[in-house]
Amino acid sequence: MTRTVIHTDQAPQAIGTYSQAVRVGHTLYLSGQIPLDPATMELVEGGIEARIRRVFDNLLAVTQAAGGSFQDLVKLQIFLTDLSHFPLVNQIMAEYFEQPYPARAAIGVAALPKGADVEMDAIVVLDDG
């Protein structure tokens, strides 16, 4: 199957040896996004709420660049350096998603790139294949 690299300037550029997303057939694999502002490539200012929103915005930008939406997202992985923020993730996620919600995992980690406190990656299934 053909692999297609997805890229958008509306999300942060890769800070390592990876692509923002790779599409294979109907499936889109989104790389982990941390709360980087795509314009400055710096962590967004503000508290954890602003950082969680930025991560969702970054994931959405890449998904849209591939022709999809969050309704096409089937699996979401959330990495937090402090799991006490998980209820806030749920609250904010409810603003971005509608039922049926994607499958999901939340994982507590010791550290994330650039000192971020939240990162998410996802799998999307696109109907236009």
Protein backbone atom coordinates (compact mmCIF):
# COMPACT_ATOMS: atom_id res chain seq x y z
CA MET A 1 0.00 0.00 0.00
CA THR A 2 1.04 3.55 -0.65
CA ARG A 3 2.13 5.64 2.30
CA THR A 4 1.36 9.35 2.11
CA VAL A 5 2.97 11.87 4.44
CA ILE A 6 0.56 14.52 5.73
CA HIS A 7 1.92 17.98 6.49
CA THR A 8 0.35 21.28 7.48
CA ASP A 9 1.74 24.61 8.62
CA GLN A 10 -1.29 24.87 10.95
CA ALA A 11 0.38 22.41 13.35
CA PRO A 12 3.92 22.38 14.74
CA GLN A 13 6.67 21.10 12.50
CA ALA A 14 8.25 17.80 13.50
CA ILE A 15 11.02 18.29 16.08
CA GLY A 16 12.62 14.95 15.30
CA THR A 17 12.78 12.20 12.73
CA TYR A 18 9.05 11.75 12.17
CA SER A 19 6.14 13.08 10.10
CA GLN A 20 3.11 14.93 11.46
CA ALA A 21 1.01 12.04 10.14
CA VAL A 22 1.21 9.14 7.71
CA ARG A 23 -1.75 7.85 5.75
CA VAL A 24 -1.94 4.24 4.60
CA GLY A 25 -5.16 3.41 2.77
CA HIS A 26 -8.07 4.68 4.87
CA THR A 27 -5.98 4.90 8.05
CA LEU A 28 -4.22 8.03 9.24
CA TYR A 29 -1.62 7.71 11.99
CA LEU A 30 -1.04 11.01 13.81
CA SER A 31 2.25 11.54 15.59
CA GLY A 32 2.26 12.78 19.15
CA GLN A 33 1.47 16.46 19.53
CA ILE A 34 2.60 18.56 22.45
CA PRO A 35 1.28 22.09 23.13
CA LEU A 36 3.55 23.89 20.70
CA ASP A 37 2.34 27.03 18.96
CA PRO A 38 2.92 26.30 15.25
CA ALA A 39 3.96 29.91 14.60
CA THR A 40 6.66 30.09 17.27
CA MET A 41 7.41 26.40 17.94
CA GLU A 42 7.34 27.25 21.65
CA LEU A 43 5.10 25.83 24.36
CA VAL A 44 1.93 27.92 24.64
CA GLU A 45 1.63 30.35 27.52
CA GLY A 46 -1.00 29.87 30.17
CA GLY A 47 -2.05 26.99 32.34
CA ILE A 48 -2.76 23.36 31.69
CA GLU A 49 -6.16 24.17 30.13
CA ALA A 50 -4.51 26.25 27.39
CA ARG A 51 -1.96 23.50 26.78
CA ILE A 52 -4.58 20.76 26.49
CA ARG A 53 -6.58 22.88 24.03
CA ARG A 54 -3.45 23.54 21.96
CA VAL A 55 -2.77 19.81 21.69
CA PHE A 56 -6.34 19.17 20.50
CA ASP A 57 -6.03 22.08 18.03
CA ASN A 58 -2.76 20.66 16.69
CA LEU A 59 -4.25 17.18 16.24
CA LEU A 60 -7.31 18.68 14.54
CA ALA A 61 -5.17 20.70 12.12
CA VAL A 62 -3.30 17.60 10.98
CA THR A 63 -6.52 15.59 10.73
CA GLN A 64 -8.13 18.31 8.61
CA ALA A 65 -5.04 18.51 6.39
CA ALA A 66 -5.72 14.87 5.51
CA GLY A 67 -9.38 15.63 4.75
CA GLY A 68 -10.81 14.33 8.02
CA SER A 69 -12.44 15.55 11.20
CA PHE A 70 -12.50 14.46 14.82
CA GLN A 71 -15.61 12.40 13.99
CA ASP A 72 -13.21 10.16 12.01
CA LEU A 73 -10.86 9.70 14.98
CA VAL A 74 -11.05 6.13 16.31
CA LYS A 75 -8.23 5.95 18.88
CA LEU A 76 -6.72 8.64 21.09
CA GLN A 77 -3.76 8.22 23.44
CA ILE A 78 -3.17 10.85 26.10
CA PHE A 79 0.11 11.19 27.97
CA LEU A 80 0.18 13.32 31.12
CA THR A 81 3.00 14.05 33.53
CA ASP A 82 0.32 14.62 36.20
CA LEU A 83 -2.75 12.38 36.05
CA SER A 84 -4.66 14.78 38.29
CA HIS A 85 -5.25 16.76 35.07
CA PHE A 86 -7.24 13.90 33.56
CA PRO A 87 -10.69 15.27 34.61
CA LEU A 88 -9.84 18.53 32.82
CA VAL A 89 -8.84 16.55 29.71
CA ASN A 90 -12.28 14.89 29.82
CA GLN A 91 -14.04 18.24 30.18
CA ILE A 92 -12.16 19.82 27.26
CA MET A 93 -12.42 16.69 25.12
CA ALA A 94 -16.22 16.92 25.39
CA GLU A 95 -16.00 20.29 23.61
CA TYR A 96 -14.07 18.82 20.67
CA PHE A 97 -15.82 15.45 20.24
CA GLU A 98 -19.35 14.11 19.87
CA GLN A 99 -20.62 10.62 20.54
CA PRO A 100 -19.69 8.03 19.61
CA TYR A 101 -16.39 8.90 21.27
CA PRO A 102 -13.13 7.31 20.12
CA ALA A 103 -11.40 4.53 22.02
CA ARG A 104 -8.88 6.08 24.38
CA ALA A 105 -6.01 5.50 26.76
CA ALA A 106 -4.58 7.85 29.38
CA ILE A 107 -1.04 7.19 30.48
CA GLY A 108 0.96 8.82 33.26
CA VAL A 109 4.56 9.49 32.25
CA ALA A 110 7.62 10.92 33.98
CA ALA A 111 8.53 13.45 31.28
CA LEU A 112 7.64 14.62 27.76
CA PRO A 113 9.59 16.44 25.02
CA LYS A 114 10.47 20.10 25.60
CA GLY A 115 9.20 19.89 29.18
CA ALA A 116 5.57 19.59 28.08
CA ASP A 117 3.03 18.19 30.54
CA VAL A 118 0.60 16.79 27.95
CA GLU A 119 0.98 14.93 24.66
CA MET A 120 -1.54 13.09 22.50
CA ASP A 121 -1.42 10.92 19.42
CA ALA A 122 -4.26 9.38 17.45
CA ILE A 123 -5.50 7.05 14.75
CA VAL A 124 -8.09 8.28 12.26
CA VAL A 125 -10.04 6.26 9.70
CA LEU A 126 -11.01 8.26 6.63
CA ASP A 127 -13.95 7.26 4.45
CA ASP A 128 -12.57 8.64 1.17
CA GLY A 129 -9.74 6.03 1.12
